[in-house]
Amino acid sequence: MSRRTPFIASFLSISCFLLTTDQVAAQNGGQPVRVQLPTFHVFGISTTVLVPDRGSMVQGGVNRSSRGSHQLGRGNRGYGSSTSAGGVSVSATIIDHSEIDRAVLAEAARRRGATHDVLGRLVSPQRPAVDSTTAKPRMRQAHAVARPNWRALWREK
């Protein structure tokens, strides 16, 4: 975000309020009318963060609030309040267009039954769907093979 963006936003807001002020003054017989304009403050931080793909991270923020009242005699009361908030966050999304193109071309070649895509790369064959009756025994077998026999390993020491 460039540093000009907040300035342009505040300039546009001020011009809208000035237009409104002129309209109210015309309705009020040309009498001056006070309108409180919004204020904008720009701040930034200089840091380095690691954010995963499609992730976000809050850097920090500041919230301020104040209220006040004044009473003079009976019936004369004044109230005022002010609230401000600011925050910084980072979000990242990585879009790899070449990877998307490769996936789309491979899927199109697979649907055509071709062994190579339009760029000449080998397309992997479609894997058959795995149903639950064959998945559990295969999972148990893979787990048994991957699990070492700790008693035999202990005896070897």
C-alpha atoms as a PDB file:
ATOM      1  CA  MET A   1       0.000   0.000   0.000  1.00  0.00           C
ATOM      2  CA  SER A   2       1.537   3.278  -1.018  1.00  0.00           C
ATOM      3  CA  ARG A   3       1.723   6.249   1.314  1.00  0.00           C
ATOM      4  CA  ARG A   4      -0.529   8.257  -1.029  1.00  0.00           C
ATOM      5  CA  THR A   5      -3.575   6.058  -0.523  1.00  0.00           C
ATOM      6  CA  PRO A   6      -4.498   7.390   2.973  1.00  0.00           C
ATOM      7  CA  PHE A   7      -4.049  10.987   1.763  1.00  0.00           C
ATOM      8  CA  ILE A   8      -6.365  10.398  -1.194  1.00  0.00           C
ATOM      9  CA  ALA A   9      -8.941   8.762   1.087  1.00  0.00           C
ATOM     10  CA  SER A  10      -8.893  11.710   3.506  1.00  0.00           C
ATOM     11  CA  PHE A  11      -9.084  14.219   0.645  1.00  0.00           C
ATOM     12  CA  LEU A  12     -12.150  12.464  -0.779  1.00  0.00           C
ATOM     13  CA  SER A  13     -13.819  12.356   2.640  1.00  0.00           C
ATOM     14  CA  ILE A  14     -13.183  16.049   3.229  1.00  0.00           C
ATOM     15  CA  SER A  15     -14.615  17.021  -0.141  1.00  0.00           C
ATOM     16  CA  CYS A  16     -17.778  15.021   0.607  1.00  0.00           C
ATOM     17  CA  PHE A  17     -18.183  16.764   3.980  1.00  0.00           C
ATOM     18  CA  LEU A  18     -17.628  20.203   2.436  1.00  0.00           C
ATOM     19  CA  LEU A  19     -20.392  19.478  -0.061  1.00  0.00           C
ATOM     20  CA  THR A  20     -22.676  18.489   2.812  1.00  0.00           C
ATOM     21  CA  THR A  21     -21.725  21.644   4.736  1.00  0.00           C
ATOM     22  CA  ASP A  22     -22.700  23.846   1.790  1.00  0.00           C
ATOM     23  CA  GLN A  23     -26.067  22.107   1.518  1.00  0.00           C
ATOM     24  CA  VAL A  24     -26.782  22.550   5.253  1.00  0.00           C
ATOM     25  CA  ALA A  25     -25.723  26.226   5.136  1.00  0.00           C
ATOM     26  CA  ALA A  26     -28.087  26.843   2.208  1.00  0.00           C
ATOM     27  CA  GLN A  27     -30.952  25.280   4.170  1.00  0.00           C
ATOM     28  CA  ASN A  28     -30.042  27.313   7.262  1.00  0.00           C
ATOM     29  CA  GLY A  29     -30.421  30.682   5.560  1.00  0.00           C
ATOM     30  CA  GLY A  30     -26.723  31.129   4.813  1.00  0.00           C
ATOM     31  CA  GLN A  31     -25.678  30.940   8.473  1.00  0.00           C
ATOM     32  CA  PRO A  32     -22.296  29.306   9.164  1.00  0.00           C
ATOM     33  CA  VAL A  33     -22.530  25.680  10.228  1.00  0.00           C
ATOM     34  CA  ARG A  34     -19.813  23.739  12.052  1.00  0.00           C
ATOM     35  CA  VAL A  35     -19.143  20.201  10.893  1.00  0.00           C
ATOM     36  CA  GLN A  36     -16.442  18.064  12.480  1.00  0.00           C
ATOM     37  CA  LEU A  37     -14.299  16.428   9.832  1.00  0.00           C
ATOM     38  CA  PRO A  38     -12.718  13.010  10.331  1.00  0.00           C
ATOM     39  CA  THR A  39      -8.983  12.805  10.917  1.00  0.00           C
ATOM     40  CA  PHE A  40      -6.634  10.182   9.539  1.00  0.00           C
ATOM     41  CA  HIS A  41      -3.321   9.095  10.987  1.00  0.00           C
ATOM     42  CA  VAL A  42      -0.912   6.900   9.055  1.00  0.00           C
ATOM     43  CA  PHE A  43       1.522   4.604  10.822  1.00  0.00           C
ATOM     44  CA  GLY A  44       3.619   1.644   9.836  1.00  0.00           C
ATOM     45  CA  ILE A  45       5.966  -0.957  11.216  1.00  0.00           C
ATOM     46  CA  SER A  46       9.201  -2.328   9.872  1.00  0.00           C
ATOM     47  CA  THR A  47       9.513  -6.031  10.590  1.00  0.00           C
ATOM     48  CA  THR A  48       9.846  -9.438   8.975  1.00  0.00           C
ATOM     49  CA  VAL A  49       7.318 -12.214   9.529  1.00  0.00           C
ATOM     50  CA  LEU A  50       6.815 -15.755   8.270  1.00  0.00           C
ATOM     51  CA  VAL A  51       3.259 -16.307   7.090  1.00  0.00           C
ATOM     52  CA  PRO A  52       2.160 -19.627   5.525  1.00  0.00           C
ATOM     53  CA  ASP A  53       0.227 -19.792   2.267  1.00  0.00           C
ATOM     54  CA  ARG A  54      -3.396 -18.696   2.816  1.00  0.00           C
ATOM     55  CA  GLY A  55      -2.460 -17.672   6.342  1.00  0.00           C
ATOM     56  CA  SER A  56      -2.620 -14.427   8.241  1.00  0.00           C
ATOM     57  CA  MET A  57      -0.908 -12.890  11.226  1.00  0.00           C
ATOM     58  CA  VAL A  58      -1.844  -9.955  13.421  1.00  0.00           C
ATOM     59  CA  GLN A  59       1.109  -7.663  14.078  1.00  0.00           C
ATOM     60  CA  GLY A  60      -0.505  -5.496  16.715  1.00  0.00           C
ATOM     61  CA  GLY A  61      -2.901  -2.674  17.313  1.00  0.00           C
ATOM     62  CA  VAL A  62      -3.917   0.223  19.492  1.00  0.00           C
ATOM     63  CA  ASN A  63      -7.413   1.105  20.754  1.00  0.00           C
ATOM     64  CA  ARG A  64      -8.171   4.336  22.573  1.00  0.00           C
ATOM     65  CA  SER A  65     -11.382   5.645  24.066  1.00  0.00           C
ATOM     66  CA  SER A  66     -12.285   8.595  26.249  1.00  0.00           C
ATOM     67  CA  ARG A  67     -15.528  10.106  27.533  1.00  0.00           C
ATOM     68  CA  GLY A  68     -16.374  13.218  29.406  1.00  0.00           C
ATOM     69  CA  SER A  69     -19.310  15.227  30.636  1.00  0.00           C
ATOM     70  CA  HIS A  70     -19.794  18.665  32.080  1.00  0.00           C
ATOM     71  CA  GLN A  71     -22.747  20.055  33.972  1.00  0.00           C
ATOM     72  CA  LEU A  72     -23.269  23.708  34.800  1.00  0.00           C
ATOM     73  CA  GLY A  73     -26.300  24.390  36.957  1.00  0.00           C
ATOM     74  CA  ARG A  74     -29.599  22.698  36.239  1.00  0.00           C
ATOM     75  CA  GLY A  75     -30.248  21.427  32.728  1.00  0.00           C
ATOM     76  CA  ASN A  76     -26.993  22.601  31.114  1.00  0.00           C
ATOM     77  CA  ARG A  77     -25.075  19.465  30.274  1.00  0.00           C
ATOM     78  CA  GLY A  78     -22.389  18.653  27.787  1.00  0.00           C
ATOM     79  CA  TYR A  79     -21.222  15.222  26.706  1.00  0.00           C
ATOM     80  CA  GLY A  80     -18.273  14.219  24.608  1.00  0.00           C
ATOM     81  CA  SER A  81     -16.544  11.047  23.577  1.00  0.00           C
ATOM     82  CA  SER A  82     -13.665  10.015  21.393  1.00  0.00           C
ATOM     83  CA  THR A  83     -12.739   6.585  20.105  1.00  0.00           C
ATOM     84  CA  SER A  84      -9.840   5.567  17.908  1.00  0.00           C
ATOM     85  CA  ALA A  85      -8.473   2.252  16.737  1.00  0.00           C
ATOM     86  CA  GLY A  86      -5.588   1.130  14.592  1.00  0.00           C
ATOM     87  CA  GLY A  87      -4.131  -2.212  13.685  1.00  0.00           C
ATOM     88  CA  VAL A  88      -1.679  -3.991  11.412  1.00  0.00           C
ATOM     89  CA  SER A  89      -2.128  -7.479   9.996  1.00  0.00           C
ATOM     90  CA  VAL A  90      -0.508  -9.487   7.210  1.00  0.00           C
ATOM     91  CA  SER A  91      -2.121 -12.109   4.991  1.00  0.00           C
ATOM     92  CA  ALA A  92      -0.508 -14.085   2.189  1.00  0.00           C
ATOM     93  CA  THR A  93      -1.853 -16.123  -0.714  1.00  0.00           C
ATOM     94  CA  ILE A  94       0.538 -17.744  -3.176  1.00  0.00           C
ATOM     95  CA  ILE A  95      -0.887 -18.355  -6.643  1.00  0.00           C
ATOM     96  CA  ASP A  96       1.348 -20.472  -8.877  1.00  0.00           C
ATOM     97  CA  HIS A  97      -0.160 -20.112 -12.349  1.00  0.00           C
ATOM     98  CA  SER A  98       2.240 -22.597 -13.939  1.00  0.00           C
ATOM     99  CA  GLU A  99       1.211 -25.261 -11.405  1.00  0.00           C
ATOM    100  CA  ILE A 100      -2.465 -24.574 -12.131  1.00  0.00           C
ATOM    101  CA  ASP A 101      -1.786 -24.856 -15.878  1.00  0.00           C
ATOM    102  CA  ARG A 102       0.041 -28.170 -15.404  1.00  0.00           C
ATOM    103  CA  ALA A 103      -2.831 -29.588 -13.346  1.00  0.00           C
ATOM    104  CA  VAL A 104      -5.478 -28.473 -15.864  1.00  0.00           C
ATOM    105  CA  LEU A 105      -3.525 -29.839 -18.847  1.00  0.00           C
ATOM    106  CA  ALA A 106      -2.834 -33.152 -17.082  1.00  0.00           C
ATOM    107  CA  GLU A 107      -6.516 -33.560 -16.180  1.00  0.00           C
ATOM    108  CA  ALA A 108      -7.562 -32.820 -19.771  1.00  0.00           C
ATOM    109  CA  ALA A 109      -5.081 -35.381 -21.101  1.00  0.00           C
ATOM    110  CA  ARG A 110      -6.217 -37.940 -18.525  1.00  0.00           C
ATOM    111  CA  ARG A 111      -9.844 -37.474 -19.598  1.00  0.00           C
ATOM    112  CA  ARG A 112      -8.868 -37.939 -23.228  1.00  0.00           C
ATOM    113  CA  GLY A 113      -7.050 -41.136 -22.293  1.00  0.00           C
ATOM    114  CA  ALA A 114      -3.729 -39.779 -23.532  1.00  0.00           C
ATOM    115  CA  THR A 115      -0.421 -40.871 -22.038  1.00  0.00           C
ATOM    116  CA  HIS A 116       1.148 -37.416 -22.534  1.00  0.00           C
ATOM    117  CA  ASP A 117      -0.263 -33.911 -22.111  1.00  0.00           C
ATOM    118  CA  VAL A 118      -0.129 -31.204 -24.816  1.00  0.00           C
ATOM    119  CA  LEU A 119       3.374 -30.197 -23.688  1.00  0.00           C
ATOM    120  CA  GLY A 120       4.684 -33.756 -24.058  1.00  0.00           C
ATOM    121  CA  ARG A 121       4.902 -34.572 -20.358  1.00  0.00           C
ATOM    122  CA  LEU A 122       3.944 -38.034 -19.123  1.00  0.00           C
ATOM    123  CA  VAL A 123       0.525 -38.130 -17.475  1.00  0.00           C
ATOM    124  CA  SER A 124       0.129 -40.447 -14.492  1.00  0.00           C
ATOM    125  CA  PRO A 125      -2.746 -42.914 -14.887  1.00  0.00           C
ATOM    126  CA  GLN A 126      -5.934 -42.409 -12.916  1.00  0.00           C
ATOM    127  CA  ARG A 127      -5.740 -44.180  -9.562  1.00  0.00           C
ATOM    128  CA  PRO A 128      -8.648 -46.473  -8.748  1.00  0.00           C
ATOM    129  CA  ALA A 129     -10.904 -45.433  -5.921  1.00  0.00           C
ATOM    130  CA  VAL A 130     -10.178 -47.114  -2.589  1.00  0.00           C
ATOM    131  CA  ASP A 131     -13.154 -48.531  -0.741  1.00  0.00           C
ATOM    132  CA  SER A 132     -13.316 -49.143   3.001  1.00  0.00           C
ATOM    133  CA  THR A 133     -13.227 -52.952   2.687  1.00  0.00           C
ATOM    134  CA  THR A 134      -9.738 -52.926   1.162  1.00  0.00           C
ATOM    135  CA  ALA A 135      -8.394 -49.820   2.890  1.00  0.00           C
ATOM    136  CA  LYS A 136      -8.400 -51.114   6.488  1.00  0.00           C
ATOM    137  CA  PRO A 137      -6.497 -54.371   5.833  1.00  0.00           C
ATOM    138  CA  ARG A 138      -3.955 -52.469   3.715  1.00  0.00           C
ATOM    139  CA  MET A 139      -3.552 -49.881   6.471  1.00  0.00           C
ATOM    140  CA  ARG A 140      -2.979 -52.581   9.119  1.00  0.00           C
ATOM    141  CA  GLN A 141      -0.441 -54.319   6.882  1.00  0.00           C
ATOM    142  CA  ALA A 142       1.463 -51.067   6.255  1.00  0.00           C
ATOM    143  CA  HIS A 143       1.444 -50.288   9.974  1.00  0.00           C
ATOM    144  CA  ALA A 144       2.761 -53.766  10.848  1.00  0.00           C
ATOM    145  CA  VAL A 145       5.593 -53.453   8.308  1.00  0.00           C
ATOM    146  CA  ALA A 146       6.555 -49.962   9.465  1.00  0.00           C
ATOM    147  CA  ARG A 147       6.533 -50.831  13.180  1.00  0.00           C
ATOM    148  CA  PRO A 148       9.877 -52.296  14.252  1.00  0.00           C
ATOM    149  CA  ASN A 149      10.110 -55.256  16.599  1.00  0.00           C
ATOM    150  CA  TRP A 150      11.495 -53.482  19.676  1.00  0.00           C
ATOM    151  CA  ARG A 151      12.185 -56.681  21.590  1.00  0.00           C
ATOM    152  CA  ALA A 152      14.425 -57.992  18.838  1.00  0.00           C
ATOM    153  CA  LEU A 153      16.243 -54.665  18.595  1.00  0.00           C
ATOM    154  CA  TRP A 154      16.750 -54.595  22.389  1.00  0.00           C
ATOM    155  CA  ARG A 155      18.217 -58.114  22.395  1.00  0.00           C
ATOM    156  CA  GLU A 156      20.728 -57.182  19.670  1.00  0.00           C
ATOM    157  CA  LYS A 157      22.259 -54.530  21.923  1.00  0.00           C
END
